[in-house]
Amino acid sequence: MRGQSVLRDAEVLVYFDGVLIAGIVLDDVQDSYPHYLGTIVDGPGLGPLRTFVERFAEADPEFDYCPHHPHEGPYEESDTARYVEALSAIGADCANVDWDDPWLAPWRGADESTLRSYLRFLDFRLWRATNRAGELLTSIALPVSLDLESRRFVYNPYEGDE
């Protein structure tokens, strides 16, 4: 597998509800200071969550949430919280849902069970990003946005994460 990244090479491990769903193999040369760049590799638990991972990456909340970062503001001020709130409104009253909203359009026609499962998927408390030693990486937003199309990942590590 020369030239291909594999999970055993990952320096960042991404877990959902205790299950490893992805790894990030950092580029050999980091020349985009202060950002770290890497390649996303599938973890053993990604399969059943792939559609949710793709949907969250497509939603791309700009002001995400890093709950373990020492300078993070309240969750309620994040775009992730606004995204969850918008999705939660779908179940309450579909007649008043703005289906032209790019965050909501992909969920038109989704059954209630799938939507409930996705909202659980968005619960940042069920997510964790660690290094190989199992130490939390405080500067990676939770839930972790994994662009499975480009396979590229960028983050700005907090000095305690290096």
N, C-alpha and C. Protein backbone atom coordinates (compact mmCIF):
# COMPACT_ATOMS: atom_id res chain seq x y z
N MET A 1 0.83 -1.19 0.00
CA MET A 1 0.00 0.00 0.00
C MET A 1 0.87 1.25 0.00
N ARG A 2 1.88 1.24 -0.73
CA ARG A 2 2.80 2.37 -0.80
C ARG A 2 2.05 3.62 -1.26
N GLY A 3 2.28 4.72 -0.54
CA GLY A 3 1.66 5.99 -0.90
C GLY A 3 0.26 6.18 -0.36
N GLN A 4 -0.35 5.17 0.23
CA GLN A 4 -1.69 5.29 0.77
C GLN A 4 -1.63 5.35 2.29
N SER A 5 -2.48 6.19 2.85
CA SER A 5 -2.54 6.30 4.30
C SER A 5 -3.41 5.17 4.85
N VAL A 6 -2.98 4.63 5.97
CA VAL A 6 -3.75 3.59 6.64
C VAL A 6 -3.95 3.98 8.09
N LEU A 7 -4.95 3.41 8.72
CA LEU A 7 -5.33 3.78 10.08
C LEU A 7 -4.18 3.63 11.07
N ARG A 8 -3.34 2.64 10.90
CA ARG A 8 -2.25 2.45 11.88
C ARG A 8 -1.25 3.62 11.84
N ASP A 9 -1.27 4.42 10.78
CA ASP A 9 -0.39 5.59 10.68
C ASP A 9 -1.02 6.86 11.25
N ALA A 10 -2.28 6.77 11.65
CA ALA A 10 -3.00 7.96 12.11
C ALA A 10 -2.43 8.48 13.43
N GLU A 11 -2.28 9.80 13.47
CA GLU A 11 -1.80 10.46 14.69
C GLU A 11 -2.95 11.10 15.45
N VAL A 12 -4.10 11.23 14.79
CA VAL A 12 -5.32 11.72 15.42
C VAL A 12 -6.37 10.64 15.24
N LEU A 13 -7.05 10.30 16.32
CA LEU A 13 -8.10 9.28 16.28
C LEU A 13 -9.43 9.93 16.64
N VAL A 14 -10.45 9.63 15.87
CA VAL A 14 -11.77 10.25 16.05
C VAL A 14 -12.76 9.17 16.45
N TYR A 15 -13.42 9.40 17.59
CA TYR A 15 -14.37 8.43 18.14
C TYR A 15 -15.76 9.04 18.24
N PHE A 16 -16.77 8.21 17.95
CA PHE A 16 -18.15 8.57 18.23
C PHE A 16 -18.72 7.49 19.13
N ASP A 17 -19.21 7.90 20.27
CA ASP A 17 -19.82 6.99 21.24
C ASP A 17 -18.89 5.81 21.56
N GLY A 18 -17.60 6.10 21.67
CA GLY A 18 -16.61 5.10 22.04
C GLY A 18 -16.10 4.24 20.90
N VAL A 19 -16.61 4.45 19.69
CA VAL A 19 -16.22 3.64 18.53
C VAL A 19 -15.32 4.46 17.61
N LEU A 20 -14.20 3.90 17.22
CA LEU A 20 -13.27 4.57 16.32
C LEU A 20 -13.88 4.64 14.92
N ILE A 21 -14.11 5.89 14.45
CA ILE A 21 -14.72 6.02 13.12
C ILE A 21 -13.74 6.52 12.08
N ALA A 22 -12.65 7.19 12.52
CA ALA A 22 -11.69 7.71 11.55
C ALA A 22 -10.37 8.02 12.23
N GLY A 23 -9.36 8.15 11.39
CA GLY A 23 -8.06 8.61 11.84
C GLY A 23 -7.59 9.70 10.90
N ILE A 24 -6.66 10.50 11.38
CA ILE A 24 -6.06 11.55 10.55
C ILE A 24 -4.57 11.27 10.51
N VAL A 25 -4.07 11.04 9.32
CA VAL A 25 -2.63 10.86 9.11
C VAL A 25 -2.09 12.23 8.73
N LEU A 26 -1.31 12.81 9.64
CA LEU A 26 -0.78 14.15 9.38
C LEU A 26 0.24 14.10 8.26
N ASP A 27 0.26 15.15 7.45
CA ASP A 27 1.23 15.25 6.36
C ASP A 27 2.64 15.24 6.92
N ASP A 28 3.56 14.65 6.19
CA ASP A 28 4.96 14.60 6.62
C ASP A 28 5.54 15.99 6.80
N VAL A 29 5.18 16.90 5.91
CA VAL A 29 5.67 18.27 5.99
C VAL A 29 4.50 19.16 6.34
N GLN A 30 4.61 19.87 7.44
CA GLN A 30 3.58 20.80 7.87
C GLN A 30 4.06 22.21 7.53
N ASP A 31 3.59 22.73 6.40
CA ASP A 31 4.06 24.04 5.95
C ASP A 31 2.94 25.08 5.85
N SER A 32 1.87 24.86 6.60
CA SER A 32 0.74 25.79 6.58
C SER A 32 0.48 26.37 7.96
N TYR A 33 1.56 26.67 8.68
CA TYR A 33 1.45 27.20 10.02
C TYR A 33 0.44 28.34 10.07
N PRO A 34 -0.46 28.40 11.02
CA PRO A 34 -0.54 27.60 12.24
C PRO A 34 -1.41 26.36 12.10
N HIS A 35 -1.81 26.01 10.88
CA HIS A 35 -2.69 24.86 10.68
C HIS A 35 -1.91 23.57 10.45
N TYR A 36 -2.48 22.49 10.93
CA TYR A 36 -1.96 21.16 10.65
C TYR A 36 -2.85 20.55 9.57
N LEU A 37 -2.24 19.86 8.63
CA LEU A 37 -2.97 19.24 7.53
C LEU A 37 -2.77 17.74 7.57
N GLY A 38 -3.80 17.02 7.16
CA GLY A 38 -3.68 15.57 7.14
C GLY A 38 -4.71 14.93 6.23
N THR A 39 -4.63 13.62 6.16
CA THR A 39 -5.52 12.82 5.33
C THR A 39 -6.42 11.97 6.21
N ILE A 40 -7.70 11.97 5.90
CA ILE A 40 -8.67 11.18 6.65
C ILE A 40 -8.63 9.73 6.17
N VAL A 41 -8.56 8.81 7.12
CA VAL A 41 -8.65 7.38 6.80
C VAL A 41 -9.81 6.79 7.60
N ASP A 42 -10.51 5.86 6.99
CA ASP A 42 -11.67 5.24 7.62
C ASP A 42 -11.28 4.40 8.82
N GLY A 43 -12.10 4.52 9.86
CA GLY A 43 -11.97 3.64 11.01
C GLY A 43 -12.99 2.52 10.90
N PRO A 44 -12.90 1.51 11.76
CA PRO A 44 -13.80 0.36 11.66
C PRO A 44 -15.27 0.70 11.91
N GLY A 45 -15.55 1.79 12.62
CA GLY A 45 -16.93 2.13 12.92
C GLY A 45 -17.57 3.13 11.97
N LEU A 46 -16.89 3.52 10.90
CA LEU A 46 -17.42 4.54 10.01
C LEU A 46 -18.62 4.07 9.20
N GLY A 47 -18.62 2.83 8.76
CA GLY A 47 -19.65 2.32 7.85
C GLY A 47 -21.07 2.74 8.16
N PRO A 48 -21.58 2.40 9.34
CA PRO A 48 -22.98 2.74 9.64
C PRO A 48 -23.23 4.24 9.81
N LEU A 49 -22.18 5.01 9.99
CA LEU A 49 -22.33 6.46 10.20
C LEU A 49 -21.97 7.29 8.99
N ARG A 50 -21.55 6.65 7.93
CA ARG A 50 -21.04 7.36 6.75
C ARG A 50 -22.00 8.44 6.25
N THR A 51 -23.27 8.13 6.10
CA THR A 51 -24.23 9.11 5.60
C THR A 51 -24.32 10.30 6.53
N PHE A 52 -24.34 10.07 7.83
CA PHE A 52 -24.39 11.17 8.79
C PHE A 52 -23.12 12.01 8.72
N VAL A 53 -21.97 11.37 8.61
CA VAL A 53 -20.69 12.08 8.49
C VAL A 53 -20.72 12.97 7.26
N GLU A 54 -21.20 12.44 6.15
CA GLU A 54 -21.26 13.20 4.91
C GLU A 54 -22.22 14.38 5.03
N ARG A 55 -23.38 14.16 5.65
CA ARG A 55 -24.36 15.23 5.82
C ARG A 55 -23.80 16.36 6.68
N PHE A 56 -23.11 16.00 7.76
CA PHE A 56 -22.56 17.03 8.64
C PHE A 56 -21.46 17.82 7.93
N ALA A 57 -20.63 17.15 7.16
CA ALA A 57 -19.58 17.84 6.40
C ALA A 57 -20.20 18.79 5.37
N GLU A 58 -21.30 18.37 4.75
CA GLU A 58 -21.99 19.23 3.79
C GLU A 58 -22.61 20.45 4.47
N ALA A 59 -23.13 20.28 5.67
CA ALA A 59 -23.74 21.39 6.42
C ALA A 59 -22.69 22.44 6.75
N ASP A 60 -21.51 21.98 7.13
CA ASP A 60 -20.34 22.84 7.36
C ASP A 60 -20.62 24.05 8.25
N PRO A 61 -21.04 23.82 9.51
CA PRO A 61 -21.24 24.96 10.41
C PRO A 61 -19.94 25.75 10.56
N GLU A 62 -20.02 27.06 10.33
CA GLU A 62 -18.81 27.88 10.35
C GLU A 62 -18.25 28.04 11.76
N PHE A 63 -19.10 28.36 12.72
CA PHE A 63 -18.65 28.54 14.10
C PHE A 63 -18.94 27.26 14.86
N ASP A 64 -17.99 26.35 14.77
CA ASP A 64 -18.17 25.04 15.39
C ASP A 64 -17.83 25.13 16.88
N TYR A 65 -17.78 23.99 17.54
CA TYR A 65 -17.66 23.97 19.00
C TYR A 65 -16.55 23.03 19.45
N CYS A 66 -15.61 23.57 20.21
CA CYS A 66 -14.49 22.79 20.77
C CYS A 66 -14.66 22.75 22.29
N PRO A 67 -15.43 21.81 22.81
CA PRO A 67 -15.80 21.84 24.24
C PRO A 67 -14.62 21.72 25.20
N HIS A 68 -13.51 21.15 24.76
CA HIS A 68 -12.37 20.97 25.67
C HIS A 68 -11.34 22.09 25.56
N HIS A 69 -11.55 23.01 24.62
CA HIS A 69 -10.59 24.10 24.43
C HIS A 69 -10.78 25.13 25.55
N PRO A 70 -9.68 25.57 26.15
CA PRO A 70 -9.81 26.48 27.30
C PRO A 70 -10.40 27.85 26.97
N HIS A 71 -10.44 28.23 25.71
CA HIS A 71 -10.95 29.55 25.34
C HIS A 71 -12.28 29.48 24.59
N GLU A 72 -12.92 28.33 24.60
CA GLU A 72 -14.17 28.15 23.87
C GLU A 72 -15.32 28.85 24.60
N GLY A 73 -16.20 29.46 23.83
CA GLY A 73 -17.40 30.08 24.39
C GLY A 73 -18.48 29.04 24.62
N PRO A 74 -19.68 29.49 24.98
CA PRO A 74 -20.77 28.54 25.25
C PRO A 74 -21.26 27.86 23.97
N TYR A 75 -21.68 26.62 24.12
CA TYR A 75 -22.21 25.83 23.01
C TYR A 75 -23.34 26.58 22.29
N GLU A 76 -24.20 27.24 23.05
CA GLU A 76 -25.37 27.91 22.50
C GLU A 76 -25.02 28.99 21.49
N GLU A 77 -23.78 29.47 21.51
CA GLU A 77 -23.35 30.50 20.57
C GLU A 77 -22.70 29.92 19.31
N SER A 78 -22.67 28.62 19.19
CA SER A 78 -22.04 27.98 18.04
C SER A 78 -23.04 27.74 16.92
N ASP A 79 -22.53 27.67 15.68
CA ASP A 79 -23.38 27.30 14.55
C ASP A 79 -23.87 25.86 14.69
N THR A 80 -23.09 25.04 15.35
CA THR A 80 -23.53 23.66 15.57
C THR A 80 -24.82 23.65 16.37
N ALA A 81 -24.90 24.48 17.41
CA ALA A 81 -26.13 24.56 18.22
C ALA A 81 -27.30 25.06 17.37
N ARG A 82 -27.04 26.06 16.52
CA ARG A 82 -28.11 26.57 15.65
C ARG A 82 -28.56 25.51 14.64
N TYR A 83 -27.62 24.73 14.16
CA TYR A 83 -27.93 23.64 13.22
C TYR A 83 -28.82 22.59 13.91
N VAL A 84 -28.44 22.20 15.12
CA VAL A 84 -29.24 21.22 15.87
C VAL A 84 -30.63 21.78 16.15
N GLU A 85 -30.71 23.04 16.50
CA GLU A 85 -32.01 23.67 16.78
C GLU A 85 -32.89 23.66 15.53
N ALA A 86 -32.31 24.01 14.39
CA ALA A 86 -33.07 24.02 13.13
C ALA A 86 -33.58 22.62 12.79
N LEU A 87 -32.72 21.62 12.95
CA LEU A 87 -33.13 20.24 12.66
C LEU A 87 -34.19 19.75 13.63
N SER A 88 -34.09 20.16 14.87
CA SER A 88 -35.07 19.75 15.89
C SER A 88 -36.45 20.28 15.56
N ALA A 89 -36.52 21.42 14.89
CA ALA A 89 -37.80 22.03 14.53
C ALA A 89 -38.54 21.22 13.46
N ILE A 90 -37.82 20.41 12.71
CA ILE A 90 -38.46 19.61 11.65
C ILE A 90 -39.52 18.71 12.24
N GLY A 91 -39.20 18.04 13.33
CA GLY A 91 -40.15 17.12 13.94
C GLY A 91 -41.34 17.81 14.56
N ALA A 92 -41.13 19.07 15.01
CA ALA A 92 -42.20 19.77 15.71
C ALA A 92 -43.32 20.21 14.76
N ASP A 93 -42.96 20.79 13.64
CA ASP A 93 -43.98 21.32 12.74
C ASP A 93 -43.43 21.43 11.33
N CYS A 94 -43.55 20.37 10.56
CA CYS A 94 -43.00 20.35 9.20
C CYS A 94 -43.63 21.41 8.29
N ALA A 95 -44.83 21.85 8.60
CA ALA A 95 -45.50 22.83 7.74
C ALA A 95 -44.75 24.16 7.72
N ASN A 96 -44.05 24.47 8.79
CA ASN A 96 -43.35 25.75 8.87
C ASN A 96 -41.85 25.64 8.61
N VAL A 97 -41.41 24.52 8.10
CA VAL A 97 -39.99 24.32 7.83
C VAL A 97 -39.62 24.98 6.50
N ASP A 98 -38.54 25.72 6.50
CA ASP A 98 -38.03 26.34 5.27
C ASP A 98 -37.17 25.31 4.53
N TRP A 99 -37.78 24.57 3.63
CA TRP A 99 -37.07 23.49 2.93
C TRP A 99 -36.04 24.01 1.94
N ASP A 100 -36.01 25.32 1.70
CA ASP A 100 -34.97 25.90 0.86
C ASP A 100 -33.68 26.15 1.65
N ASP A 101 -33.77 26.08 2.96
CA ASP A 101 -32.58 26.25 3.81
C ASP A 101 -31.62 25.09 3.51
N PRO A 102 -30.38 25.38 3.12
CA PRO A 102 -29.45 24.30 2.77
C PRO A 102 -29.14 23.35 3.92
N TRP A 103 -29.33 23.78 5.15
CA TRP A 103 -29.14 22.88 6.28
C TRP A 103 -30.29 21.88 6.39
N LEU A 104 -31.48 22.29 5.95
CA LEU A 104 -32.67 21.46 6.14
C LEU A 104 -33.07 20.66 4.91
N ALA A 105 -32.78 21.18 3.73
CA ALA A 105 -33.21 20.54 2.48
C ALA A 105 -32.86 19.05 2.40
N PRO A 106 -31.66 18.62 2.81
CA PRO A 106 -31.35 17.19 2.70
C PRO A 106 -32.23 16.28 3.57
N TRP A 107 -32.95 16.89 4.50
CA TRP A 107 -33.74 16.07 5.43
C TRP A 107 -35.22 16.02 5.06
N ARG A 108 -35.57 16.65 3.96
CA ARG A 108 -36.96 16.59 3.50
C ARG A 108 -37.31 15.13 3.22
N GLY A 109 -38.37 14.67 3.81
CA GLY A 109 -38.81 13.30 3.60
C GLY A 109 -38.14 12.27 4.51
N ALA A 110 -37.23 12.72 5.36
CA ALA A 110 -36.56 11.78 6.28
C ALA A 110 -37.57 11.30 7.33
N ASP A 111 -37.47 10.04 7.68
CA ASP A 111 -38.37 9.54 8.72
C ASP A 111 -37.88 10.02 10.09
N GLU A 112 -38.80 10.01 11.04
CA GLU A 112 -38.52 10.55 12.38
C GLU A 112 -37.38 9.80 13.07
N SER A 113 -37.32 8.51 12.88
CA SER A 113 -36.27 7.70 13.51
C SER A 113 -34.88 8.09 13.00
N THR A 114 -34.76 8.30 11.70
CA THR A 114 -33.47 8.70 11.12
C THR A 114 -33.08 10.08 11.63
N LEU A 115 -34.01 10.99 11.67
CA LEU A 115 -33.73 12.34 12.16
C LEU A 115 -33.31 12.29 13.63
N ARG A 116 -33.98 11.50 14.44
CA ARG A 116 -33.61 11.34 15.86
C ARG A 116 -32.19 10.79 15.98
N SER A 117 -31.86 9.80 15.15
CA SER A 117 -30.52 9.22 15.17
C SER A 117 -29.47 10.25 14.76
N TYR A 118 -29.80 11.08 13.78
CA TYR A 118 -28.85 12.11 13.35
C TYR A 118 -28.65 13.16 14.45
N LEU A 119 -29.72 13.54 15.12
CA LEU A 119 -29.59 14.50 16.21
C LEU A 119 -28.71 13.92 17.33
N ARG A 120 -28.83 12.64 17.59
CA ARG A 120 -27.95 11.99 18.57
C ARG A 120 -26.50 12.04 18.07
N PHE A 121 -26.30 11.79 16.80
CA PHE A 121 -24.98 11.85 16.18
C PHE A 121 -24.35 13.23 16.38
N LEU A 122 -25.16 14.28 16.40
CA LEU A 122 -24.66 15.64 16.54
C LEU A 122 -24.37 16.04 17.99
N ASP A 123 -24.62 15.17 18.93
CA ASP A 123 -24.38 15.47 20.34
C ASP A 123 -22.87 15.46 20.61
N PHE A 124 -22.28 16.63 20.80
CA PHE A 124 -20.83 16.74 20.96
C PHE A 124 -20.30 15.93 22.13
N ARG A 125 -21.15 15.64 23.11
CA ARG A 125 -20.70 14.87 24.29
C ARG A 125 -20.37 13.43 23.95
N LEU A 126 -20.81 12.95 22.79
CA LEU A 126 -20.54 11.57 22.38
C LEU A 126 -19.28 11.46 21.52
N TRP A 127 -18.64 12.58 21.26
CA TRP A 127 -17.47 12.64 20.37
C TRP A 127 -16.19 12.83 21.16
N ARG A 128 -15.11 12.36 20.58
CA ARG A 128 -13.79 12.54 21.18
C ARG A 128 -12.74 12.47 20.08
N ALA A 129 -11.76 13.35 20.15
CA ALA A 129 -10.60 13.31 19.25
C ALA A 129 -9.37 13.24 20.14
N THR A 130 -8.53 12.24 19.88
CA THR A 130 -7.35 12.03 20.72
C THR A 130 -6.11 11.83 19.87
N ASN A 131 -4.97 11.92 20.53
CA ASN A 131 -3.74 11.49 19.87
C ASN A 131 -3.59 10.00 20.12
N ARG A 132 -2.53 9.41 19.64
CA ARG A 132 -2.31 7.96 19.79
C ARG A 132 -2.23 7.53 21.26
N ALA A 133 -1.78 8.45 22.12
CA ALA A 133 -1.65 8.13 23.55
C ALA A 133 -2.99 8.22 24.28
N GLY A 134 -4.05 8.62 23.55
CA GLY A 134 -5.37 8.71 24.17
C GLY A 134 -5.65 10.05 24.82
N GLU A 135 -4.77 11.02 24.62
CA GLU A 135 -4.97 12.35 25.20
C GLU A 135 -5.89 13.16 24.30
N LEU A 136 -6.85 13.86 24.94
CA LEU A 136 -7.79 14.69 24.18
C LEU A 136 -7.06 15.78 23.40
N LEU A 137 -7.51 16.01 22.19
CA LEU A 137 -7.01 17.11 21.37
C LEU A 137 -8.05 18.23 21.48
N THR A 138 -7.74 19.21 22.27
CA THR A 138 -8.71 20.22 22.66
C THR A 138 -9.11 21.17 21.54
N SER A 139 -8.35 21.25 20.48
CA SER A 139 -8.64 22.22 19.42
C SER A 139 -9.39 21.63 18.24
N ILE A 140 -9.84 20.40 18.35
CA ILE A 140 -10.64 19.81 17.28
C ILE A 140 -12.11 19.89 17.69
N ALA A 141 -12.90 20.51 16.81
CA ALA A 141 -14.31 20.73 17.09
C ALA A 141 -15.06 19.40 17.16
N LEU A 142 -16.06 19.36 18.02
CA LEU A 142 -16.91 18.18 18.16
C LEU A 142 -18.35 18.59 17.89
N PRO A 143 -19.10 17.83 17.10
CA PRO A 143 -18.66 16.66 16.35
C PRO A 143 -17.59 17.04 15.32
N VAL A 144 -16.78 16.07 14.97
CA VAL A 144 -15.69 16.31 14.02
C VAL A 144 -16.25 16.30 12.61
N SER A 145 -15.96 17.35 11.86
CA SER A 145 -16.40 17.43 10.47
C SER A 145 -15.35 16.75 9.59
N LEU A 146 -15.73 15.64 9.00
CA LEU A 146 -14.83 14.83 8.17
C LEU A 146 -15.30 14.89 6.72
N ASP A 147 -14.53 15.53 5.88
CA ASP A 147 -14.85 15.65 4.46
C ASP A 147 -14.37 14.38 3.76
N LEU A 148 -15.27 13.43 3.59
CA LEU A 148 -14.90 12.14 3.01
C LEU A 148 -14.71 12.22 1.50
N GLU A 149 -15.12 13.34 0.91
CA GLU A 149 -14.91 13.50 -0.53
C GLU A 149 -13.46 13.89 -0.82
N SER A 150 -12.98 14.92 -0.15
CA SER A 150 -11.60 15.37 -0.38
C SER A 150 -10.58 14.55 0.41
N ARG A 151 -11.06 13.97 1.52
CA ARG A 151 -10.21 13.21 2.44
C ARG A 151 -9.18 14.09 3.15
N ARG A 152 -9.32 15.41 3.08
CA ARG A 152 -8.37 16.32 3.71
C ARG A 152 -8.96 16.86 5.02
N PHE A 153 -8.07 17.09 5.98
CA PHE A 153 -8.47 17.59 7.28
C PHE A 153 -7.49 18.68 7.70
N VAL A 154 -8.03 19.77 8.23
CA VAL A 154 -7.21 20.90 8.67
C VAL A 154 -7.64 21.27 10.08
N TYR A 155 -6.67 21.48 10.96
CA TYR A 155 -7.01 22.03 12.26
C TYR A 155 -5.86 22.88 12.78
N ASN A 156 -6.21 23.77 13.68
CA ASN A 156 -5.25 24.68 14.26
C ASN A 156 -5.01 24.23 15.70
N PRO A 157 -3.93 23.50 15.95
CA PRO A 157 -3.75 22.93 17.29
C PRO A 157 -3.50 23.98 18.36
N TYR A 158 -4.12 23.76 19.49
CA TYR A 158 -3.85 24.56 20.68
C TYR A 158 -2.49 24.10 21.19
N GLU A 159 -1.73 25.02 21.75
CA GLU A 159 -0.36 24.69 22.16
C GLU A 159 -0.28 23.46 23.07
N GLY A 160 -1.32 23.19 23.82
CA GLY A 160 -1.32 22.00 24.68
C GLY A 160 -1.50 20.71 23.91
N ASP A 161 -1.90 20.80 22.63
CA ASP A 161 -2.12 19.61 21.81
C ASP A 161 -0.89 19.18 21.03
N GLU A 162 0.14 19.98 21.02
CA GLU A 162 1.29 19.69 20.17
C GLU A 162 2.22 18.69 20.81
